[in-house]
Amino acid sequence: MKKVFAVLVVILLAVAGGIYALGSKESGKYVTLKATFRMGGAVYEGYQLEGDTLVFKFERNGDFFTQAIETKEVTTEERLAPKKVVMEVNTNGEIKRYEAKLVKEEGDVVIYEASEL
């Protein structure tokens, strides 16, 4: 009886250890967006998940923006696994979205690019 009890304890510990190991693995990767804008003044406002879509949000306010191509690079603070990545640009209330394309994966980071051009 003691042997059966010992075997059951070992099996339960092994199962619990396996569940812990699988559950503690972080899923997803940090997502970096390399954004290109057709005019200056875009300010990064953060990101949010909308279902399976990761949306990086930028905003421009004002009447005059420099007419120069501007680039910015931003990265999520947490590991994510989105199916789609989008750059959203809000210029004085006019919102436009641009789909980002996967460029490469480097370790625990995936890099996307999006452009207003």
PDB file of N, CA and C in Angstrom:
ATOM      1  N   MET A   1       0.820  -1.196   0.000  1.00  0.00           N
ATOM      2  CA  MET A   1       0.000   0.000   0.000  1.00  0.00           C
ATOM      3  C   MET A   1       0.863   1.259   0.000  1.00  0.00           C
ATOM      4  N   LYS A   2       1.974   1.205   0.770  1.00  0.00           N
ATOM      5  CA  LYS A   2       2.853   2.359   0.823  1.00  0.00           C
ATOM      6  C   LYS A   2       3.493   2.617  -0.538  1.00  0.00           C
ATOM      7  N   LYS A   3       3.808   1.535  -1.269  1.00  0.00           N
ATOM      8  CA  LYS A   3       4.419   1.696  -2.589  1.00  0.00           C
ATOM      9  C   LYS A   3       3.448   2.339  -3.565  1.00  0.00           C
ATOM     10  N   VAL A   4       2.197   1.934  -3.512  1.00  0.00           N
ATOM     11  CA  VAL A   4       1.170   2.507  -4.388  1.00  0.00           C
ATOM     12  C   VAL A   4       1.007   3.992  -4.080  1.00  0.00           C
ATOM     13  N   PHE A   5       0.967   4.318  -2.805  1.00  0.00           N
ATOM     14  CA  PHE A   5       0.854   5.719  -2.390  1.00  0.00           C
ATOM     15  C   PHE A   5       2.060   6.523  -2.878  1.00  0.00           C
ATOM     16  N   ALA A   6       3.249   5.973  -2.744  1.00  0.00           N
ATOM     17  CA  ALA A   6       4.473   6.654  -3.175  1.00  0.00           C
ATOM     18  C   ALA A   6       4.459   6.873  -4.693  1.00  0.00           C
ATOM     19  N   VAL A   7       4.029   5.869  -5.438  1.00  0.00           N
ATOM     20  CA  VAL A   7       3.952   5.984  -6.900  1.00  0.00           C
ATOM     21  C   VAL A   7       2.942   7.058  -7.301  1.00  0.00           C
ATOM     22  N   LEU A   8       1.798   7.082  -6.625  1.00  0.00           N
ATOM     23  CA  LEU A   8       0.792   8.100  -6.914  1.00  0.00           C
ATOM     24  C   LEU A   8       1.318   9.510  -6.627  1.00  0.00           C
ATOM     25  N   VAL A   9       2.031   9.672  -5.544  1.00  0.00           N
ATOM     26  CA  VAL A   9       2.603  10.980  -5.198  1.00  0.00           C
ATOM     27  C   VAL A   9       3.603  11.411  -6.268  1.00  0.00           C
ATOM     28  N   VAL A  10       4.451  10.493  -6.701  1.00  0.00           N
ATOM     29  CA  VAL A  10       5.442  10.802  -7.743  1.00  0.00           C
ATOM     30  C   VAL A  10       4.734  11.194  -9.044  1.00  0.00           C
ATOM     31  N   ILE A  11       3.712  10.461  -9.416  1.00  0.00           N
ATOM     32  CA  ILE A  11       2.970  10.763 -10.646  1.00  0.00           C
ATOM     33  C   ILE A  11       2.306  12.136 -10.539  1.00  0.00           C
ATOM     34  N   LEU A  12       1.672  12.416  -9.413  1.00  0.00           N
ATOM     35  CA  LEU A  12       1.017  13.714  -9.221  1.00  0.00           C
ATOM     36  C   LEU A  12       2.023  14.860  -9.271  1.00  0.00           C
ATOM     37  N   LEU A  13       3.180  14.669  -8.660  1.00  0.00           N
ATOM     38  CA  LEU A  13       4.219  15.702  -8.700  1.00  0.00           C
ATOM     39  C   LEU A  13       4.727  15.919 -10.126  1.00  0.00           C
ATOM     40  N   ALA A  14       4.882  14.836 -10.871  1.00  0.00           N
ATOM     41  CA  ALA A  14       5.342  14.951 -12.260  1.00  0.00           C
ATOM     42  C   ALA A  14       4.319  15.694 -13.112  1.00  0.00           C
ATOM     43  N   VAL A  15       3.053  15.365 -12.945  1.00  0.00           N
ATOM     44  CA  VAL A  15       1.988  16.036 -13.691  1.00  0.00           C
ATOM     45  C   VAL A  15       1.927  17.515 -13.319  1.00  0.00           C
ATOM     46  N   ALA A  16       1.990  17.818 -12.022  1.00  0.00           N
ATOM     47  CA  ALA A  16       1.955  19.210 -11.572  1.00  0.00           C
ATOM     48  C   ALA A  16       3.156  19.977 -12.120  1.00  0.00           C
ATOM     49  N   GLY A  17       4.320  19.365 -12.120  1.00  0.00           N
ATOM     50  CA  GLY A  17       5.515  20.013 -12.667  1.00  0.00           C
ATOM     51  C   GLY A  17       5.379  20.282 -14.153  1.00  0.00           C
ATOM     52  N   GLY A  18       4.821  19.332 -14.876  1.00  0.00           N
ATOM     53  CA  GLY A  18       4.613  19.525 -16.315  1.00  0.00           C
ATOM     54  C   GLY A  18       3.631  20.639 -16.608  1.00  0.00           C
ATOM     55  N   ILE A  19       2.549  20.691 -15.855  1.00  0.00           N
ATOM     56  CA  ILE A  19       1.563  21.753 -16.035  1.00  0.00           C
ATOM     57  C   ILE A  19       2.180  23.109 -15.725  1.00  0.00           C
ATOM     58  N   TYR A  20       2.952  23.190 -14.665  1.00  0.00           N
ATOM     59  CA  TYR A  20       3.616  24.456 -14.303  1.00  0.00           C
ATOM     60  C   TYR A  20       4.580  24.885 -15.401  1.00  0.00           C
ATOM     61  N   ALA A  21       5.372  23.942 -15.932  1.00  0.00           N
ATOM     62  CA  ALA A  21       6.351  24.277 -16.969  1.00  0.00           C
ATOM     63  C   ALA A  21       5.665  24.782 -18.226  1.00  0.00           C
ATOM     64  N   LEU A  22       4.582  24.143 -18.620  1.00  0.00           N
ATOM     65  CA  LEU A  22       3.860  24.585 -19.812  1.00  0.00           C
ATOM     66  C   LEU A  22       3.169  25.915 -19.589  1.00  0.00           C
ATOM     67  N   GLY A  23       2.594  26.103 -18.429  1.00  0.00           N
ATOM     68  CA  GLY A  23       1.877  27.334 -18.126  1.00  0.00           C
ATOM     69  C   GLY A  23       2.779  28.529 -17.930  1.00  0.00           C
ATOM     70  N   SER A  24       4.008  28.312 -17.498  1.00  0.00           N
ATOM     71  CA  SER A  24       4.887  29.437 -17.216  1.00  0.00           C
ATOM     72  C   SER A  24       5.614  29.941 -18.459  1.00  0.00           C
ATOM     73  N   LYS A  25       5.550  29.200 -19.551  1.00  0.00           N
ATOM     74  CA  LYS A  25       6.172  29.668 -20.791  1.00  0.00           C
ATOM     75  C   LYS A  25       5.433  30.897 -21.287  1.00  0.00           C
ATOM     76  N   GLU A  26       6.200  31.936 -21.603  1.00  0.00           N
ATOM     77  CA  GLU A  26       5.562  33.139 -22.134  1.00  0.00           C
ATOM     78  C   GLU A  26       5.274  32.913 -23.607  1.00  0.00           C
ATOM     79  N   SER A  27       4.042  33.144 -24.009  1.00  0.00           N
ATOM     80  CA  SER A  27       3.713  32.981 -25.412  1.00  0.00           C
ATOM     81  C   SER A  27       3.870  34.324 -26.107  1.00  0.00           C
ATOM     82  N   GLY A  28       4.150  34.279 -27.374  1.00  0.00           N
ATOM     83  CA  GLY A  28       4.286  35.497 -28.152  1.00  0.00           C
ATOM     84  C   GLY A  28       5.673  36.088 -28.059  1.00  0.00           C
ATOM     85  N   LYS A  29       5.815  37.230 -28.732  1.00  0.00           N
ATOM     86  CA  LYS A  29       7.093  37.936 -28.793  1.00  0.00           C
ATOM     87  C   LYS A  29       6.827  39.425 -28.672  1.00  0.00           C
ATOM     88  N   TYR A  30       7.871  40.175 -28.394  1.00  0.00           N
ATOM     89  CA  TYR A  30       7.752  41.628 -28.413  1.00  0.00           C
ATOM     90  C   TYR A  30       7.588  42.044 -29.869  1.00  0.00           C
ATOM     91  N   VAL A  31       6.732  43.014 -30.114  1.00  0.00           N
ATOM     92  CA  VAL A  31       6.463  43.449 -31.485  1.00  0.00           C
ATOM     93  C   VAL A  31       7.017  44.863 -31.667  1.00  0.00           C
ATOM     94  N   THR A  32       7.875  45.021 -32.681  1.00  0.00           N
ATOM     95  CA  THR A  32       8.444  46.322 -33.021  1.00  0.00           C
ATOM     96  C   THR A  32       7.825  46.792 -34.326  1.00  0.00           C
ATOM     97  N   LEU A  33       7.432  48.062 -34.363  1.00  0.00           N
ATOM     98  CA  LEU A  33       6.917  48.666 -35.587  1.00  0.00           C
ATOM     99  C   LEU A  33       7.873  49.758 -36.035  1.00  0.00           C
ATOM    100  N   LYS A  34       8.327  49.653 -37.281  1.00  0.00           N
ATOM    101  CA  LYS A  34       9.101  50.718 -37.899  1.00  0.00           C
ATOM    102  C   LYS A  34       8.120  51.479 -38.787  1.00  0.00           C
ATOM    103  N   ALA A  35       7.771  52.690 -38.360  1.00  0.00           N
ATOM    104  CA  ALA A  35       6.728  53.478 -39.024  1.00  0.00           C
ATOM    105  C   ALA A  35       7.347  54.604 -39.834  1.00  0.00           C
ATOM    106  N   THR A  36       6.849  54.796 -41.052  1.00  0.00           N
ATOM    107  CA  THR A  36       7.293  55.894 -41.911  1.00  0.00           C
ATOM    108  C   THR A  36       6.090  56.795 -42.180  1.00  0.00           C
ATOM    109  N   PHE A  37       6.300  58.097 -41.948  1.00  0.00           N
ATOM    110  CA  PHE A  37       5.232  59.083 -42.111  1.00  0.00           C
ATOM    111  C   PHE A  37       5.578  60.031 -43.250  1.00  0.00           C
ATOM    112  N   ARG A  38       4.556  60.513 -43.961  1.00  0.00           N
ATOM    113  CA  ARG A  38       4.781  61.418 -45.087  1.00  0.00           C
ATOM    114  C   ARG A  38       4.960  62.860 -44.657  1.00  0.00           C
ATOM    115  N   MET A  39       4.658  63.136 -43.392  1.00  0.00           N
ATOM    116  CA  MET A  39       4.884  64.473 -42.846  1.00  0.00           C
ATOM    117  C   MET A  39       5.175  64.354 -41.362  1.00  0.00           C
ATOM    118  N   GLY A  40       5.821  65.356 -40.807  1.00  0.00           N
ATOM    119  CA  GLY A  40       6.218  65.321 -39.404  1.00  0.00           C
ATOM    120  C   GLY A  40       5.065  65.569 -38.452  1.00  0.00           C
ATOM    121  N   GLY A  41       5.377  65.508 -37.187  1.00  0.00           N
ATOM    122  CA  GLY A  41       4.403  65.840 -36.154  1.00  0.00           C
ATOM    123  C   GLY A  41       3.657  64.671 -35.559  1.00  0.00           C
ATOM    124  N   ALA A  42       3.907  63.446 -36.027  1.00  0.00           N
ATOM    125  CA  ALA A  42       3.195  62.280 -35.488  1.00  0.00           C
ATOM    126  C   ALA A  42       3.759  61.929 -34.116  1.00  0.00           C
ATOM    127  N   VAL A  43       2.876  61.819 -33.142  1.00  0.00           N
ATOM    128  CA  VAL A  43       3.253  61.486 -31.770  1.00  0.00           C
ATOM    129  C   VAL A  43       2.700  60.107 -31.444  1.00  0.00           C
ATOM    130  N   TYR A  44       3.550  59.248 -30.897  1.00  0.00           N
ATOM    131  CA  TYR A  44       3.126  57.898 -30.528  1.00  0.00           C
ATOM    132  C   TYR A  44       2.230  57.964 -29.302  1.00  0.00           C
ATOM    133  N   GLU A  45       1.043  57.354 -29.400  1.00  0.00           N
ATOM    134  CA  GLU A  45       0.059  57.374 -28.315  1.00  0.00           C
ATOM    135  C   GLU A  45      -0.060  56.029 -27.607  1.00  0.00           C
ATOM    136  N   GLY A  46       0.593  54.993 -28.112  1.00  0.00           N
ATOM    137  CA  GLY A  46       0.518  53.677 -27.498  1.00  0.00           C
ATOM    138  C   GLY A  46      -0.046  52.641 -28.451  1.00  0.00           C
ATOM    139  N   TYR A  47      -0.332  51.479 -27.915  1.00  0.00           N
ATOM    140  CA  TYR A  47      -0.885  50.391 -28.724  1.00  0.00           C
ATOM    141  C   TYR A  47      -2.034  49.740 -27.985  1.00  0.00           C
ATOM    142  N   GLN A  48      -2.856  49.017 -28.741  1.00  0.00           N
ATOM    143  CA  GLN A  48      -3.933  48.245 -28.123  1.00  0.00           C
ATOM    144  C   GLN A  48      -4.260  47.053 -28.999  1.00  0.00           C
ATOM    145  N   LEU A  49      -4.768  46.015 -28.363  1.00  0.00           N
ATOM    146  CA  LEU A  49      -5.213  44.834 -29.093  1.00  0.00           C
ATOM    147  C   LEU A  49      -6.697  44.971 -29.384  1.00  0.00           C
ATOM    148  N   GLU A  50      -7.049  44.740 -30.624  1.00  0.00           N
ATOM    149  CA  GLU A  50      -8.451  44.710 -31.046  1.00  0.00           C
ATOM    150  C   GLU A  50      -8.684  43.316 -31.620  1.00  0.00           C
ATOM    151  N   GLY A  51      -9.095  42.402 -30.759  1.00  0.00           N
ATOM    152  CA  GLY A  51      -9.218  41.006 -31.171  1.00  0.00           C
ATOM    153  C   GLY A  51      -7.829  40.443 -31.412  1.00  0.00           C
ATOM    154  N   ASP A  52      -7.584  39.944 -32.624  1.00  0.00           N
ATOM    155  CA  ASP A  52      -6.276  39.401 -32.994  1.00  0.00           C
ATOM    156  C   ASP A  52      -5.398  40.437 -33.692  1.00  0.00           C
ATOM    157  N   THR A  53      -5.831  41.701 -33.707  1.00  0.00           N
ATOM    158  CA  THR A  53      -5.094  42.762 -34.396  1.00  0.00           C
ATOM    159  C   THR A  53      -4.429  43.682 -33.383  1.00  0.00           C
ATOM    160  N   LEU A  54      -3.137  43.919 -33.588  1.00  0.00           N
ATOM    161  CA  LEU A  54      -2.391  44.856 -32.760  1.00  0.00           C
ATOM    162  C   LEU A  54      -2.353  46.198 -33.477  1.00  0.00           C
ATOM    163  N   VAL A  55      -2.836  47.258 -32.817  1.00  0.00           N
ATOM    164  CA  VAL A  55      -2.923  48.582 -33.420  1.00  0.00           C
ATOM    165  C   VAL A  55      -1.967  49.524 -32.696  1.00  0.00           C
ATOM    166  N   PHE A  56      -0.973  50.037 -33.447  1.00  0.00           N
ATOM    167  CA  PHE A  56      -0.079  51.071 -32.931  1.00  0.00           C
ATOM    168  C   PHE A  56      -0.702  52.412 -33.298  1.00  0.00           C
ATOM    169  N   LYS A  57      -0.910  53.286 -32.302  1.00  0.00           N
ATOM    170  CA  LYS A  57      -1.635  54.534 -32.527  1.00  0.00           C
ATOM    171  C   LYS A  57      -0.700  55.741 -32.500  1.00  0.00           C
ATOM    172  N   PHE A  58      -0.862  56.593 -33.528  1.00  0.00           N
ATOM    173  CA  PHE A  58      -0.121  57.847 -33.636  1.00  0.00           C
ATOM    174  C   PHE A  58      -1.112  58.971 -33.851  1.00  0.00           C
ATOM    175  N   GLU A  59      -0.747  60.182 -33.401  1.00  0.00           N
ATOM    176  CA  GLU A  59      -1.657  61.322 -33.533  1.00  0.00           C
ATOM    177  C   GLU A  59      -0.889  62.567 -33.958  1.00  0.00           C
ATOM    178  N   ARG A  60      -1.530  63.358 -34.836  1.00  0.00           N
ATOM    179  CA  ARG A  60      -1.026  64.668 -35.243  1.00  0.00           C
ATOM    180  C   ARG A  60      -2.114  65.681 -34.968  1.00  0.00           C
ATOM    181  N   ASN A  61      -1.758  66.780 -34.335  1.00  0.00           N
ATOM    182  CA  ASN A  61      -2.711  67.858 -34.103  1.00  0.00           C
ATOM    183  C   ASN A  61      -2.066  69.161 -34.550  1.00  0.00           C
ATOM    184  N   GLY A  62      -2.861  70.022 -35.138  1.00  0.00           N
ATOM    185  CA  GLY A  62      -2.349  71.323 -35.550  1.00  0.00           C
ATOM    186  C   GLY A  62      -2.748  71.661 -36.966  1.00  0.00           C
ATOM    187  N   ASP A  63      -2.254  72.812 -37.429  1.00  0.00           N
ATOM    188  CA  ASP A  63      -2.590  73.288 -38.770  1.00  0.00           C
ATOM    189  C   ASP A  63      -1.431  73.160 -39.752  1.00  0.00           C
ATOM    190  N   PHE A  64      -0.215  73.025 -39.227  1.00  0.00           N
ATOM    191  CA  PHE A  64       0.947  72.982 -40.092  1.00  0.00           C
ATOM    192  C   PHE A  64       1.864  71.839 -39.662  1.00  0.00           C
ATOM    193  N   PHE A  65       2.273  71.021 -40.626  1.00  0.00           N
ATOM    194  CA  PHE A  65       3.184  69.914 -40.356  1.00  0.00           C
ATOM    195  C   PHE A  65       4.340  69.994 -41.339  1.00  0.00           C
ATOM    196  N   THR A  66       5.537  69.701 -40.871  1.00  0.00           N
ATOM    197  CA  THR A  66       6.693  69.723 -41.762  1.00  0.00           C
ATOM    198  C   THR A  66       6.484  68.723 -42.883  1.00  0.00           C
ATOM    199  N   GLN A  67       6.853  69.106 -44.063  1.00  0.00           N
ATOM    200  CA  GLN A  67       6.685  68.236 -45.230  1.00  0.00           C
ATOM    201  C   GLN A  67       7.961  67.439 -45.465  1.00  0.00           C
ATOM    202  N   ALA A  68       8.311  66.666 -44.487  1.00  0.00           N
ATOM    203  CA  ALA A  68       9.499  65.823 -44.562  1.00  0.00           C
ATOM    204  C   ALA A  68       9.133  64.415 -44.124  1.00  0.00           C
ATOM    205  N   ILE A  69       9.737  63.446 -44.779  1.00  0.00           N
ATOM    206  CA  ILE A  69       9.491  62.054 -44.392  1.00  0.00           C
ATOM    207  C   ILE A  69      10.123  61.826 -43.025  1.00  0.00           C
ATOM    208  N   GLU A  70       9.347  61.225 -42.148  1.00  0.00           N
ATOM    209  CA  GLU A  70       9.788  61.004 -40.775  1.00  0.00           C
ATOM    210  C   GLU A  70       9.602  59.523 -40.435  1.00  0.00           C
ATOM    211  N   THR A  71      10.528  58.956 -39.689  1.00  0.00           N
ATOM    212  CA  THR A  71      10.399  57.557 -39.262  1.00  0.00           C
ATOM    213  C   THR A  71      10.460  57.479 -37.743  1.00  0.00           C
ATOM    214  N   LYS A  72       9.761  56.498 -37.218  1.00  0.00           N
ATOM    215  CA  LYS A  72       9.753  56.231 -35.775  1.00  0.00           C
ATOM    216  C   LYS A  72       9.752  54.724 -35.586  1.00  0.00           C
ATOM    217  N   GLU A  73      10.338  54.285 -34.487  1.00  0.00           N
ATOM    218  CA  GLU A  73      10.348  52.867 -34.158  1.00  0.00           C
ATOM    219  C   GLU A  73       9.821  52.706 -32.735  1.00  0.00           C
ATOM    220  N   VAL A  74       8.828  51.854 -32.578  1.00  0.00           N
ATOM    221  CA  VAL A  74       8.221  51.610 -31.262  1.00  0.00           C
ATOM    222  C   VAL A  74       8.092  50.105 -31.032  1.00  0.00           C
ATOM    223  N   THR A  75       8.120  49.714 -29.754  1.00  0.00           N
ATOM    224  CA  THR A  75       8.048  48.297 -29.391  1.00  0.00           C
ATOM    225  C   THR A  75       7.060  48.109 -28.252  1.00  0.00           C
ATOM    226  N   THR A  76       6.343  47.006 -28.288  1.00  0.00           N
ATOM    227  CA  THR A  76       5.396  46.698 -27.215  1.00  0.00           C
ATOM    228  C   THR A  76       6.152  46.423 -25.917  1.00  0.00           C
ATOM    229  N   GLU A  77       5.475  46.624 -24.809  1.00  0.00           N
ATOM    230  CA  GLU A  77       6.061  46.383 -23.491  1.00  0.00           C
ATOM    231  C   GLU A  77       5.832  44.953 -23.018  1.00  0.00           C
ATOM    232  N   GLU A  78       5.035  44.210 -23.765  1.00  0.00           N
ATOM    233  CA  GLU A  78       4.698  42.837 -23.389  1.00  0.00           C
ATOM    234  C   GLU A  78       4.785  41.943 -24.616  1.00  0.00           C
ATOM    235  N   ARG A  79       4.908  40.661 -24.352  1.00  0.00           N
ATOM    236  CA  ARG A  79       4.944  39.688 -25.449  1.00  0.00           C
ATOM    237  C   ARG A  79       3.530  39.471 -25.964  1.00  0.00           C
ATOM    238  N   LEU A  80       3.381  39.518 -27.269  1.00  0.00           N
ATOM    239  CA  LEU A  80       2.072  39.353 -27.893  1.00  0.00           C
ATOM    240  C   LEU A  80       2.203  38.412 -29.089  1.00  0.00           C
ATOM    241  N   ALA A  81       1.083  37.897 -29.541  1.00  0.00           N
ATOM    242  CA  ALA A  81       1.056  37.031 -30.717  1.00  0.00           C
ATOM    243  C   ALA A  81      -0.101  37.448 -31.624  1.00  0.00           C
ATOM    244  N   PRO A  82      -0.047  38.669 -32.180  1.00  0.00           N
ATOM    245  CA  PRO A  82      -1.149  39.118 -33.032  1.00  0.00           C
ATOM    246  C   PRO A  82      -1.123  38.425 -34.394  1.00  0.00           C
ATOM    247  N   LYS A  83      -2.291  38.302 -34.987  1.00  0.00           N
ATOM    248  CA  LYS A  83      -2.370  37.751 -36.340  1.00  0.00           C
ATOM    249  C   LYS A  83      -2.143  38.846 -37.373  1.00  0.00           C
ATOM    250  N   LYS A  84      -2.391  40.115 -36.965  1.00  0.00           N
ATOM    251  CA  LYS A  84      -2.278  41.246 -37.880  1.00  0.00           C
ATOM    252  C   LYS A  84      -1.761  42.450 -37.087  1.00  0.00           C
ATOM    253  N   VAL A  85      -0.935  43.294 -37.731  1.00  0.00           N
ATOM    254  CA  VAL A  85      -0.423  44.506 -37.099  1.00  0.00           C
ATOM    255  C   VAL A  85      -0.794  45.688 -37.984  1.00  0.00           C
ATOM    256  N   VAL A  86      -1.307  46.754 -37.355  1.00  0.00           N
ATOM    257  CA  VAL A  86      -1.797  47.931 -38.068  1.00  0.00           C
ATOM    258  C   VAL A  86      -1.217  49.191 -37.433  1.00  0.00           C
ATOM    259  N   MET A  87      -0.912  50.185 -38.275  1.00  0.00           N
ATOM    260  CA  MET A  87      -0.528  51.507 -37.801  1.00  0.00           C
ATOM    261  C   MET A  87      -1.714  52.431 -38.032  1.00  0.00           C
ATOM    262  N   GLU A  88      -2.160  53.106 -36.975  1.00  0.00           N
ATOM    263  CA  GLU A  88      -3.279  54.035 -37.075  1.00  0.00           C
ATOM    264  C   GLU A  88      -2.755  55.455 -36.886  1.00  0.00           C
ATOM    265  N   VAL A  89      -3.086  56.339 -37.840  1.00  0.00           N
ATOM    266  CA  VAL A  89      -2.644  57.730 -37.764  1.00  0.00           C
ATOM    267  C   VAL A  89      -3.886  58.618 -37.711  1.00  0.00           C
ATOM    268  N   ASN A  90      -4.001  59.386 -36.630  1.00  0.00           N
ATOM    269  CA  ASN A  90      -5.116  60.304 -36.433  1.00  0.00           C
ATOM    270  C   ASN A  90      -4.581  61.720 -36.640  1.00  0.00           C
ATOM    271  N   THR A  91      -4.958  62.331 -37.770  1.00  0.00           N
ATOM    272  CA  THR A  91      -4.532  63.692 -38.069  1.00  0.00           C
ATOM    273  C   THR A  91      -5.725  64.616 -37.930  1.00  0.00           C
ATOM    274  N   ASN A  92      -5.744  65.376 -36.840  1.00  0.00           N
ATOM    275  CA  ASN A  92      -6.847  66.306 -36.565  1.00  0.00           C
ATOM    276  C   ASN A  92      -8.214  65.644 -36.688  1.00  0.00           C
ATOM    277  N   GLY A  93      -8.332  64.424 -36.182  1.00  0.00           N
ATOM    278  CA  GLY A  93      -9.615  63.726 -36.194  1.00  0.00           C
ATOM    279  C   GLY A  93      -9.843  62.833 -37.402  1.00  0.00           C
ATOM    280  N   GLU A  94      -9.021  62.942 -38.426  1.00  0.00           N
ATOM    281  CA  GLU A  94      -9.144  62.073 -39.603  1.00  0.00           C
ATOM    282  C   GLU A  94      -8.243  60.863 -39.385  1.00  0.00           C
ATOM    283  N   ILE A  95      -8.875  59.697 -39.222  1.00  0.00           N
ATOM    284  CA  ILE A  95      -8.135  58.481 -38.886  1.00  0.00           C
ATOM    285  C   ILE A  95      -7.921  57.637 -40.137  1.00  0.00           C
ATOM    286  N   LYS A  96      -6.649  57.250 -40.330  1.00  0.00           N
ATOM    287  CA  LYS A  96      -6.292  56.350 -41.426  1.00  0.00           C
ATOM    288  C   LYS A  96      -5.494  55.200 -40.845  1.00  0.00           C
ATOM    289  N   ARG A  97      -5.727  54.016 -41.405  1.00  0.00           N
ATOM    290  CA  ARG A  97      -5.020  52.817 -40.953  1.00  0.00           C
ATOM    291  C   ARG A  97      -4.196  52.243 -42.095  1.00  0.00           C
ATOM    292  N   TYR A  98      -3.014  51.743 -41.728  1.00  0.00           N
ATOM    293  CA  TYR A  98      -2.094  51.161 -42.696  1.00  0.00           C
ATOM    294  C   TYR A  98      -1.655  49.796 -42.170  1.00  0.00           C
ATOM    295  N   GLU A  99      -1.786  48.776 -42.999  1.00  0.00           N
ATOM    296  CA  GLU A  99      -1.394  47.436 -42.579  1.00  0.00           C
ATOM    297  C   GLU A  99       0.124  47.324 -42.579  1.00  0.00           C
ATOM    298  N   ALA A 100       0.653  46.760 -41.519  1.00  0.00           N
ATOM    299  CA  ALA A 100       2.095  46.569 -41.406  1.00  0.00           C
ATOM    300  C   ALA A 100       2.471  45.203 -41.976  1.00  0.00           C
ATOM    301  N   LYS A 101       3.683  45.137 -42.533  1.00  0.00           N
ATOM    302  CA  LYS A 101       4.175  43.888 -43.101  1.00  0.00           C
ATOM    303  C   LYS A 101       5.301  43.354 -42.239  1.00  0.00           C
ATOM    304  N   LEU A 102       5.292  42.045 -42.028  1.00  0.00           N
ATOM    305  CA  LEU A 102       6.344  41.397 -41.261  1.00  0.00           C
ATOM    306  C   LEU A 102       7.647  41.471 -42.031  1.00  0.00           C
ATOM    307  N   VAL A 103       8.701  41.971 -41.380  1.00  0.00           N
ATOM    308  CA  VAL A 103      10.007  42.110 -42.018  1.00  0.00           C
ATOM    309  C   VAL A 103      10.929  40.979 -41.598  1.00  0.00           C
ATOM    310  N   LYS A 104      11.049  40.762 -40.272  1.00  0.00           N
ATOM    311  CA  LYS A 104      11.898  39.665 -39.795  1.00  0.00           C
ATOM    312  C   LYS A 104      11.650  39.398 -38.319  1.00  0.00           C
ATOM    313  N   GLU A 105      12.186  38.264 -37.889  1.00  0.00           N
ATOM    314  CA  GLU A 105      12.140  37.884 -36.479  1.00  0.00           C
ATOM    315  C   GLU A 105      13.570  37.803 -35.984  1.00  0.00           C
ATOM    316  N   GLU A 106      13.810  38.407 -34.830  1.00  0.00           N
ATOM    317  CA  GLU A 106      15.140  38.366 -34.213  1.00  0.00           C
ATOM    318  C   GLU A 106      14.987  37.944 -32.758  1.00  0.00           C
ATOM    319  N   GLY A 107      15.254  36.699 -32.463  1.00  0.00           N
ATOM    320  CA  GLY A 107      15.127  36.209 -31.087  1.00  0.00           C
ATOM    321  C   GLY A 107      13.695  36.304 -30.605  1.00  0.00           C
ATOM    322  N   ASP A 108      13.465  37.121 -29.559  1.00  0.00           N
ATOM    323  CA  ASP A 108      12.116  37.248 -29.005  1.00  0.00           C
ATOM    324  C   ASP A 108      11.413  38.517 -29.484  1.00  0.00           C
ATOM    325  N   VAL A 109      11.855  39.049 -30.652  1.00  0.00           N
ATOM    326  CA  VAL A 109      11.249  40.258 -31.225  1.00  0.00           C
ATOM    327  C   VAL A 109      10.856  39.991 -32.680  1.00  0.00           C
ATOM    328  N   VAL A 110       9.649  40.419 -33.050  1.00  0.00           N
ATOM    329  CA  VAL A 110       9.244  40.405 -34.458  1.00  0.00           C
ATOM    330  C   VAL A 110       9.168  41.857 -34.921  1.00  0.00           C
ATOM    331  N   ILE A 111       9.656  42.115 -36.120  1.00  0.00           N
ATOM    332  CA  ILE A 111       9.737  43.481 -36.632  1.00  0.00           C
ATOM    333  C   ILE A 111       8.798  43.636 -37.824  1.00  0.00           C
ATOM    334  N   TYR A 112       7.963  44.656 -37.741  1.00  0.00           N
ATOM    335  CA  TYR A 112       7.014  44.999 -38.802  1.00  0.00           C
ATOM    336  C   TYR A 112       7.335  46.394 -39.327  1.00  0.00           C
ATOM    337  N   GLU A 113       6.933  46.661 -40.577  1.00  0.00           N
ATOM    338  CA  GLU A 113       7.056  47.987 -41.154  1.00  0.00           C
ATOM    339  C   GLU A 113       5.717  48.429 -41.713  1.00  0.00           C
ATOM    340  N   ALA A 114       5.418  49.718 -41.527  1.00  0.00           N
ATOM    341  CA  ALA A 114       4.199  50.320 -42.094  1.00  0.00           C
ATOM    342  C   ALA A 114       4.567  51.714 -42.576  1.00  0.00           C
ATOM    343  N   SER A 115       3.853  52.167 -43.617  1.00  0.00           N
ATOM    344  CA  SER A 115       4.187  53.462 -44.197  1.00  0.00           C
ATOM    345  C   SER A 115       2.948  54.200 -44.662  1.00  0.00           C
ATOM    346  N   GLU A 116       2.982  55.522 -44.504  1.00  0.00           N
ATOM    347  CA  GLU A 116       1.928  56.391 -45.026  1.00  0.00           C
ATOM    348  C   GLU A 116       2.173  56.752 -46.484  1.00  0.00           C
ATOM    349  N   LEU A 117       3.357  56.477 -46.977  1.00  0.00           N
ATOM    350  CA  LEU A 117       3.735  56.906 -48.329  1.00  0.00           C
ATOM    351  C   LEU A 117       2.943  56.230 -49.427  1.00  0.00           C
TER     352      LEU A 117
END
